[in-house]
């Protein structure tokens, strides 16, 4: 095999290996980015859900307290005159 042919083969193989390596790296990076985005999205969703739940719980608590207060006040004879 001539030196020129060997050189061409080496150059061709190197180029092919670089292309394969780039492809592998791209695939790996995409997988890592997907995993990272999933984690970030989970965290973001947890934060949003907590905020929504806090609001819902505050509303429910207010309603519950109003009902309790109204029940208490309405059973007291002196307060019935105030409300009605």
PDB file of N, CA and C in Angstrom:
ATOM      1  N   UNK A   1       0.848  -1.166   0.000  1.00  0.00           N
ATOM      2  CA  UNK A   1       0.000   0.000   0.000  1.00  0.00           C
ATOM      3  C   UNK A   1       0.898   1.235   0.000  1.00  0.00           C
ATOM      4  N   UNK A   2       0.576   2.131  -0.873  1.00  0.00           N
ATOM      5  CA  UNK A   2       1.437   3.310  -0.996  1.00  0.00           C
ATOM      6  C   UNK A   2       1.199   4.281   0.154  1.00  0.00           C
ATOM      7  N   UNK A   3       2.200   5.117   0.397  1.00  0.00           N
ATOM      8  CA  UNK A   3       2.133   6.115   1.470  1.00  0.00           C
ATOM      9  C   UNK A   3       0.991   7.093   1.224  1.00  0.00           C
ATOM     10  N   UNK A   4       0.786   7.422  -0.032  1.00  0.00           N
ATOM     11  CA  UNK A   4      -0.281   8.368  -0.377  1.00  0.00           C
ATOM     12  C   UNK A   4      -1.661   7.781  -0.044  1.00  0.00           C
ATOM     13  N   UNK A   5      -1.828   6.523  -0.359  1.00  0.00           N
ATOM     14  CA  UNK A   5      -3.096   5.846  -0.088  1.00  0.00           C
ATOM     15  C   UNK A   5      -3.346   5.748   1.420  1.00  0.00           C
ATOM     16  N   UNK A   6      -2.273   5.408   2.154  1.00  0.00           N
ATOM     17  CA  UNK A   6      -2.398   5.336   3.622  1.00  0.00           C
ATOM     18  C   UNK A   6      -2.782   6.687   4.212  1.00  0.00           C
ATOM     19  N   UNK A   7      -2.177   7.750   3.707  1.00  0.00           N
ATOM     20  CA  UNK A   7      -2.481   9.105   4.179  1.00  0.00           C
ATOM     21  C   UNK A   7      -3.937   9.444   3.901  1.00  0.00           C
ATOM     22  N   UNK A   8      -4.399   9.130   2.692  1.00  0.00           N
ATOM     23  CA  UNK A   8      -5.802   9.404   2.349  1.00  0.00           C
ATOM     24  C   UNK A   8      -6.750   8.630   3.266  1.00  0.00           C
ATOM     25  N   UNK A   9      -6.392   7.373   3.528  1.00  0.00           N
ATOM     26  CA  UNK A   9      -7.224   6.558   4.416  1.00  0.00           C
ATOM     27  C   UNK A   9      -7.278   7.148   5.827  1.00  0.00           C
ATOM     28  N   UNK A  10      -6.104   7.540   6.336  1.00  0.00           N
ATOM     29  CA  UNK A  10      -6.052   8.146   7.675  1.00  0.00           C
ATOM     30  C   UNK A  10      -6.885   9.413   7.739  1.00  0.00           C
ATOM     31  N   UNK A  11      -6.714  10.280   6.749  1.00  0.00           N
ATOM     32  CA  UNK A  11      -7.450  11.542   6.709  1.00  0.00           C
ATOM     33  C   UNK A  11      -8.945  11.262   6.635  1.00  0.00           C
ATOM     34  N   UNK A  12      -9.331  10.326   5.793  1.00  0.00           N
ATOM     35  CA  UNK A  12     -10.748   9.955   5.657  1.00  0.00           C
ATOM     36  C   UNK A  12     -11.309   9.390   6.941  1.00  0.00           C
ATOM     37  N   UNK A  13     -10.528   8.510   7.576  1.00  0.00           N
ATOM     38  CA  UNK A  13     -10.973   7.905   8.835  1.00  0.00           C
ATOM     39  C   UNK A  13     -11.113   8.958   9.935  1.00  0.00           C
ATOM     40  N   UNK A  14     -10.158   9.868  10.000  1.00  0.00           N
ATOM     41  CA  UNK A  14     -10.233  10.937  11.004  1.00  0.00           C
ATOM     42  C   UNK A  14     -11.488  11.787  10.804  1.00  0.00           C
ATOM     43  N   UNK A  15     -11.743  12.137   9.562  1.00  0.00           N
ATOM     44  CA  UNK A  15     -12.931  12.952   9.261  1.00  0.00           C
ATOM     45  C   UNK A  15     -14.201  12.194   9.645  1.00  0.00           C
ATOM     46  N   UNK A  16     -14.236  10.910   9.316  1.00  0.00           N
ATOM     47  CA  UNK A  16     -15.396  10.091   9.645  1.00  0.00           C
ATOM     48  C   UNK A  16     -15.578   9.980  11.164  1.00  0.00           C
ATOM     49  N   UNK A  17     -14.465   9.765  11.867  1.00  0.00           N
ATOM     50  CA  UNK A  17     -14.526   9.667  13.328  1.00  0.00           C
ATOM     51  C   UNK A  17     -14.984  10.977  13.958  1.00  0.00           C
ATOM     52  N   UNK A  18     -14.488  12.103  13.417  1.00  0.00           N
ATOM     53  CA  UNK A  18     -14.921  13.404  13.936  1.00  0.00           C
ATOM     54  C   UNK A  18     -16.423  13.591  13.752  1.00  0.00           C
ATOM     55  N   UNK A  19     -16.919  13.199  12.590  1.00  0.00           N
ATOM     56  CA  UNK A  19     -18.353  13.313  12.310  1.00  0.00           C
ATOM     57  C   UNK A  19     -19.152  12.452  13.278  1.00  0.00           C
ATOM     58  N   UNK A  20     -18.714  11.207  13.478  1.00  0.00           N
ATOM     59  CA  UNK A  20     -19.402  10.307  14.408  1.00  0.00           C
ATOM     60  C   UNK A  20     -19.372  10.860  15.826  1.00  0.00           C
ATOM     61  N   UNK A  21     -18.224  11.379  16.217  1.00  0.00           N
ATOM     62  CA  UNK A  21     -18.073  11.929  17.556  1.00  0.00           C
ATOM     63  C   UNK A  21     -18.998  13.129  17.756  1.00  0.00           C
ATOM     64  N   UNK A  22     -19.058  14.001  16.752  1.00  0.00           N
ATOM     65  CA  UNK A  22     -19.956  15.158  16.830  1.00  0.00           C
ATOM     66  C   UNK A  22     -21.403  14.704  16.985  1.00  0.00           C
ATOM     67  N   UNK A  23     -21.786  13.707  16.208  1.00  0.00           N
ATOM     68  CA  UNK A  23     -23.152  13.186  16.282  1.00  0.00           C
ATOM     69  C   UNK A  23     -23.435  12.627  17.670  1.00  0.00           C
ATOM     70  N   UNK A  24     -22.499  11.829  18.193  1.00  0.00           N
ATOM     71  CA  UNK A  24     -22.658  11.252  19.534  1.00  0.00           C
ATOM     72  C   UNK A  24     -22.778  12.345  20.588  1.00  0.00           C
ATOM     73  N   UNK A  25     -21.922  13.352  20.486  1.00  0.00           N
ATOM     74  CA  UNK A  25     -21.956  14.448  21.449  1.00  0.00           C
ATOM     75  C   UNK A  25     -23.284  15.197  21.390  1.00  0.00           C
ATOM     76  N   UNK A  26     -23.779  15.429  20.173  1.00  0.00           N
ATOM     77  CA  UNK A  26     -25.074  16.104  20.016  1.00  0.00           C
ATOM     78  C   UNK A  26     -26.183  15.308  20.696  1.00  0.00           C
ATOM     79  N   UNK A  27     -26.191  14.004  20.452  1.00  0.00           N
ATOM     80  CA  UNK A  27     -27.210  13.135  21.046  1.00  0.00           C
ATOM     81  C   UNK A  27     -27.121  13.187  22.567  1.00  0.00           C
ATOM     82  N   UNK A  28     -25.891  13.097  23.076  1.00  0.00           N
ATOM     83  CA  UNK A  28     -25.670  13.133  24.527  1.00  0.00           C
ATOM     84  C   UNK A  28     -26.116  14.463  25.129  1.00  0.00           C
ATOM     85  N   UNK A  29     -25.730  15.552  24.467  1.00  0.00           N
ATOM     86  CA  UNK A  29     -26.110  16.880  24.948  1.00  0.00           C
ATOM     87  C   UNK A  29     -27.617  17.066  24.955  1.00  0.00           C
ATOM     88  N   UNK A  30     -28.271  16.606  23.902  1.00  0.00           N
ATOM     89  CA  UNK A  30     -29.740  16.704  23.851  1.00  0.00           C
ATOM     90  C   UNK A  30     -30.368  15.962  25.019  1.00  0.00           C
ATOM     91  N   UNK A  31     -29.867  14.766  25.287  1.00  0.00           N
ATOM     92  CA  UNK A  31     -30.401  13.968  26.399  1.00  0.00           C
ATOM     93  C   UNK A  31     -30.186  14.693  27.726  1.00  0.00           C
ATOM     94  N   UNK A  32     -28.998  15.261  27.919  1.00  0.00           N
ATOM     95  CA  UNK A  32     -28.716  15.994  29.155  1.00  0.00           C
ATOM     96  C   UNK A  32     -29.610  17.221  29.285  1.00  0.00           C
ATOM     97  N   UNK A  33     -29.783  17.945  28.179  1.00  0.00           N
ATOM     98  CA  UNK A  33     -30.641  19.135  28.210  1.00  0.00           C
ATOM     99  C   UNK A  33     -32.086  18.769  28.522  1.00  0.00           C
ATOM    100  N   UNK A  34     -32.566  17.685  27.914  1.00  0.00           N
ATOM    101  CA  UNK A  34     -33.940  17.235  28.201  1.00  0.00           C
ATOM    102  C   UNK A  34     -34.103  16.931  29.683  1.00  0.00           C
ATOM    103  N   UNK A  35     -33.137  16.200  30.233  1.00  0.00           N
ATOM    104  CA  UNK A  35     -33.200  15.848  31.658  1.00  0.00           C
ATOM    105  C   UNK A  35     -33.185  17.107  32.520  1.00  0.00           C
ATOM    106  N   UNK A  36     -32.310  18.049  32.192  1.00  0.00           N
ATOM    107  CA  UNK A  36     -32.200  19.295  32.955  1.00  0.00           C
ATOM    108  C   UNK A  36     -33.499  20.105  32.860  1.00  0.00           C
ATOM    109  N   UNK A  37     -34.077  20.175  31.658  1.00  0.00           N
ATOM    110  CA  UNK A  37     -35.329  20.911  31.478  1.00  0.00           C
ATOM    111  C   UNK A  37     -36.466  20.261  32.250  1.00  0.00           C
ATOM    112  N   UNK A  38     -36.489  18.920  32.274  1.00  0.00           N
ATOM    113  CA  UNK A  38     -37.519  18.216  33.049  1.00  0.00           C
ATOM    114  C   UNK A  38     -37.428  18.597  34.520  1.00  0.00           C
ATOM    115  N   UNK A  39     -36.202  18.608  35.044  1.00  0.00           N
ATOM    116  CA  UNK A  39     -36.004  18.959  36.454  1.00  0.00           C
ATOM    117  C   UNK A  39     -36.459  20.398  36.702  1.00  0.00           C
ATOM    118  N   UNK A  40     -36.035  21.332  35.829  1.00  0.00           N
ATOM    119  CA  UNK A  40     -36.420  22.732  35.993  1.00  0.00           C
ATOM    120  C   UNK A  40     -37.923  22.900  35.907  1.00  0.00           C
ATOM    121  N   UNK A  41     -38.547  22.183  34.990  1.00  0.00           N
ATOM    122  CA  UNK A  41     -39.997  22.271  34.831  1.00  0.00           C
ATOM    123  C   UNK A  41     -40.711  21.742  36.067  1.00  0.00           C
ATOM    124  N   UNK A  42     -40.215  20.627  36.609  1.00  0.00           N
ATOM    125  CA  UNK A  42     -40.806  20.068  37.834  1.00  0.00           C
ATOM    126  C   UNK A  42     -40.739  21.081  38.973  1.00  0.00           C
ATOM    127  N   UNK A  43     -39.567  21.704  39.126  1.00  0.00           N
ATOM    128  CA  UNK A  43     -39.392  22.689  40.197  1.00  0.00           C
ATOM    129  C   UNK A  43     -40.357  23.856  39.989  1.00  0.00           C
ATOM    130  N   UNK A  44     -40.420  24.345  38.743  1.00  0.00           N
ATOM    131  CA  UNK A  44     -41.297  25.470  38.425  1.00  0.00           C
ATOM    132  C   UNK A  44     -42.762  25.125  38.706  1.00  0.00           C
ATOM    133  N   UNK A  45     -43.166  23.917  38.306  1.00  0.00           N
ATOM    134  CA  UNK A  45     -44.545  23.483  38.536  1.00  0.00           C
ATOM    135  C   UNK A  45     -44.843  23.354  40.027  1.00  0.00           C
ATOM    136  N   UNK A  46     -43.881  22.834  40.789  1.00  0.00           N
ATOM    137  CA  UNK A  46     -44.074  22.726  42.240  1.00  0.00           C
ATOM    138  C   UNK A  46     -44.298  24.094  42.858  1.00  0.00           C
ATOM    139  N   UNK A  47     -43.485  25.066  42.452  1.00  0.00           N
ATOM    140  CA  UNK A  47     -43.605  26.429  42.984  1.00  0.00           C
ATOM    141  C   UNK A  47     -44.985  26.993  42.645  1.00  0.00           C
ATOM    142  N   UNK A  48     -45.406  26.830  41.382  1.00  0.00           N
ATOM    143  CA  UNK A  48     -46.716  27.327  40.960  1.00  0.00           C
ATOM    144  C   UNK A  48     -47.836  26.658  41.733  1.00  0.00           C
ATOM    145  N   UNK A  49     -47.753  25.328  41.860  1.00  0.00           N
ATOM    146  CA  UNK A  49     -48.793  24.595  42.575  1.00  0.00           C
ATOM    147  C   UNK A  49     -48.877  25.020  44.037  1.00  0.00           C
ATOM    148  N   UNK A  50     -47.727  25.202  44.662  1.00  0.00           N
ATOM    149  CA  UNK A  50     -47.734  25.651  46.061  1.00  0.00           C
ATOM    150  C   UNK A  50     -48.432  26.994  46.195  1.00  0.00           C
ATOM    151  N   UNK A  51     -48.116  27.905  45.283  1.00  0.00           N
ATOM    152  CA  UNK A  51     -48.737  29.232  45.317  1.00  0.00           C
ATOM    153  C   UNK A  51     -50.255  29.107  45.146  1.00  0.00           C
ATOM    154  N   UNK A  52     -50.685  28.298  44.178  1.00  0.00           N
ATOM    155  CA  UNK A  52     -52.118  28.110  43.944  1.00  0.00           C
ATOM    156  C   UNK A  52     -52.791  27.477  45.156  1.00  0.00           C
ATOM    157  N   UNK A  53     -52.139  26.475  45.731  1.00  0.00           N
ATOM    158  CA  UNK A  53     -52.718  25.810  46.900  1.00  0.00           C
ATOM    159  C   UNK A  53     -52.832  26.769  48.085  1.00  0.00           C
ATOM    160  N   UNK A  54     -51.818  27.609  48.262  1.00  0.00           N
ATOM    161  CA  UNK A  54     -51.885  28.591  49.353  1.00  0.00           C
ATOM    162  C   UNK A  54     -53.097  29.498  49.190  1.00  0.00           C
ATOM    163  N   UNK A  55     -53.308  29.966  47.963  1.00  0.00           N
ATOM    164  CA  UNK A  55     -54.455  30.849  47.702  1.00  0.00           C
ATOM    165  C   UNK A  55     -55.757  30.101  47.988  1.00  0.00           C
ATOM    166  N   UNK A  56     -55.867  28.875  47.456  1.00  0.00           N
ATOM    167  CA  UNK A  56     -57.079  28.078  47.680  1.00  0.00           C
ATOM    168  C   UNK A  56     -57.321  27.845  49.165  1.00  0.00           C
ATOM    169  N   UNK A  57     -56.265  27.494  49.888  1.00  0.00           N
ATOM    170  CA  UNK A  57     -56.415  27.236  51.320  1.00  0.00           C
ATOM    171  C   UNK A  57     -56.829  28.490  52.070  1.00  0.00           C
ATOM    172  N   UNK A  58     -56.263  29.643  51.678  1.00  0.00           N
ATOM    173  CA  UNK A  58     -56.666  30.900  52.321  1.00  0.00           C
ATOM    174  C   UNK A  58     -58.146  31.179  52.107  1.00  0.00           C
ATOM    175  N   UNK A  59     -58.596  30.972  50.878  1.00  0.00           N
ATOM    176  CA  UNK A  59     -60.016  31.202  50.559  1.00  0.00           C
ATOM    177  C   UNK A  59     -60.884  30.254  51.370  1.00  0.00           C
ATOM    178  N   UNK A  60     -60.526  28.960  51.372  1.00  0.00           N
ATOM    179  CA  UNK A  60     -61.300  27.973  52.132  1.00  0.00           C
ATOM    180  C   UNK A  60     -61.326  28.317  53.621  1.00  0.00           C
ATOM    181  N   UNK A  61     -60.190  28.735  54.139  1.00  0.00           N
ATOM    182  CA  UNK A  61     -60.115  29.084  55.557  1.00  0.00           C
ATOM    183  C   UNK A  61     -60.993  30.286  55.873  1.00  0.00           C
ATOM    184  N   UNK A  62     -60.967  31.294  54.987  1.00  0.00           N
ATOM    185  CA  UNK A  62     -61.822  32.473  55.197  1.00  0.00           C
ATOM    186  C   UNK A  62     -63.299  32.089  55.228  1.00  0.00           C
ATOM    187  N   UNK A  63     -63.688  31.248  54.269  1.00  0.00           N
ATOM    188  CA  UNK A  63     -65.088  30.815  54.206  1.00  0.00           C
ATOM    189  C   UNK A  63     -65.460  30.055  55.470  1.00  0.00           C
ATOM    190  N   UNK A  64     -64.583  29.150  55.858  1.00  0.00           N
ATOM    191  CA  UNK A  64     -64.836  28.345  57.054  1.00  0.00           C
ATOM    192  C   UNK A  64     -64.969  29.236  58.295  1.00  0.00           C
ATOM    193  N   UNK A  65     -64.063  30.212  58.416  1.00  0.00           N
ATOM    194  CA  UNK A  65     -64.116  31.116  59.568  1.00  0.00           C
ATOM    195  C   UNK A  65     -65.384  31.962  59.554  1.00  0.00           C
ATOM    196  N   UNK A  66     -65.798  32.413  58.365  1.00  0.00           N
ATOM    197  CA  UNK A  66     -67.040  33.188  58.271  1.00  0.00           C
ATOM    198  C   UNK A  66     -68.235  32.359  58.706  1.00  0.00           C
ATOM    199  N   UNK A  67     -68.270  31.107  58.230  1.00  0.00           N
ATOM    200  CA  UNK A  67     -69.382  30.224  58.592  1.00  0.00           C
ATOM    201  C   UNK A  67     -69.400  30.006  60.099  1.00  0.00           C
ATOM    202  N   UNK A  68     -68.239  29.732  60.679  1.00  0.00           N
ATOM    203  CA  UNK A  68     -68.166  29.516  62.127  1.00  0.00           C
ATOM    204  C   UNK A  68     -68.590  30.766  62.892  1.00  0.00           C
ATOM    205  N   UNK A  69     -68.082  31.907  62.446  1.00  0.00           N
ATOM    206  CA  UNK A  69     -68.403  33.163  63.109  1.00  0.00           C
ATOM    207  C   UNK A  69     -69.898  33.449  63.009  1.00  0.00           C
ATOM    208  N   UNK A  70     -70.446  33.268  61.821  1.00  0.00           N
ATOM    209  CA  UNK A  70     -71.862  33.518  61.608  1.00  0.00           C
ATOM    210  C   UNK A  70     -72.698  32.572  62.467  1.00  0.00           C
ATOM    211  N   UNK A  71     -72.276  31.311  62.517  1.00  0.00           N
ATOM    212  CA  UNK A  71     -72.989  30.323  63.330  1.00  0.00           C
ATOM    213  C   UNK A  71     -72.964  30.740  64.796  1.00  0.00           C
ATOM    214  N   UNK A  72     -71.793  31.154  65.265  1.00  0.00           N
ATOM    215  CA  UNK A  72     -71.670  31.599  66.651  1.00  0.00           C
ATOM    216  C   UNK A  72     -72.517  32.829  66.929  1.00  0.00           C
ATOM    217  N   UNK A  73     -72.406  33.797  66.044  1.00  0.00           N
ATOM    218  CA  UNK A  73     -73.122  35.056  66.247  1.00  0.00           C
ATOM    219  C   UNK A  73     -74.627  34.877  66.142  1.00  0.00           C
ATOM    220  N   UNK A  74     -75.041  34.034  65.223  1.00  0.00           N
ATOM    221  CA  UNK A  74     -76.472  33.850  65.014  1.00  0.00           C
ATOM    222  C   UNK A  74     -77.129  33.062  66.137  1.00  0.00           C
ATOM    223  N   UNK A  75     -76.362  32.355  66.914  1.00  0.00           N
ATOM    224  CA  UNK A  75     -76.947  31.605  68.037  1.00  0.00           C
ATOM    225  C   UNK A  75     -77.037  32.462  69.285  1.00  0.00           C
ATOM    226  N   UNK A  76     -76.326  33.564  69.317  1.00  0.00           N
ATOM    227  CA  UNK A  76     -76.399  34.484  70.448  1.00  0.00           C
ATOM    228  C   UNK A  76     -77.619  35.392  70.268  1.00  0.00           C
ATOM    229  N   UNK A  77     -78.516  35.403  71.212  1.00  0.00           N
ATOM    230  CA  UNK A  77     -79.743  36.208  71.069  1.00  0.00           C
ATOM    231  C   UNK A  77     -79.479  37.707  70.849  1.00  0.00           C
ATOM    232  N   UNK A  78     -78.473  38.244  71.502  1.00  0.00           N
ATOM    233  CA  UNK A  78     -78.209  39.690  71.379  1.00  0.00           C
ATOM    234  C   UNK A  78     -77.719  40.069  69.978  1.00  0.00           C
ATOM    235  N   UNK A  79     -77.052  39.142  69.294  1.00  0.00           N
ATOM    236  CA  UNK A  79     -76.533  39.453  67.968  1.00  0.00           C
ATOM    237  C   UNK A  79     -77.584  39.277  66.870  1.00  0.00           C
ATOM    238  N   UNK A  80     -78.597  38.492  67.148  1.00  0.00           N
ATOM    239  CA  UNK A  80     -79.630  38.283  66.135  1.00  0.00           C
ATOM    240  C   UNK A  80     -80.253  39.615  65.767  1.00  0.00           C
ATOM    241  N   UNK A  81     -80.457  40.478  66.760  1.00  0.00           N
ATOM    242  CA  UNK A  81     -81.059  41.793  66.499  1.00  0.00           C
ATOM    243  C   UNK A  81     -80.177  42.647  65.585  1.00  0.00           C
ATOM    244  N   UNK A  82     -78.865  42.486  65.703  1.00  0.00           N
ATOM    245  CA  UNK A  82     -77.929  43.296  64.894  1.00  0.00           C
ATOM    246  C   UNK A  82     -78.023  42.876  63.435  1.00  0.00           C
ATOM    247  N   UNK A  83     -78.042  41.576  63.180  1.00  0.00           N
ATOM    248  CA  UNK A  83     -78.063  41.094  61.807  1.00  0.00           C
ATOM    249  C   UNK A  83     -79.419  41.218  61.126  1.00  0.00           C
ATOM    250  N   UNK A  84     -80.485  41.163  61.915  1.00  0.00           N
ATOM    251  CA  UNK A  84     -81.812  41.191  61.307  1.00  0.00           C
ATOM    252  C   UNK A  84     -82.534  42.413  61.727  1.00  0.00           C
TER     253      UNK A  84
END
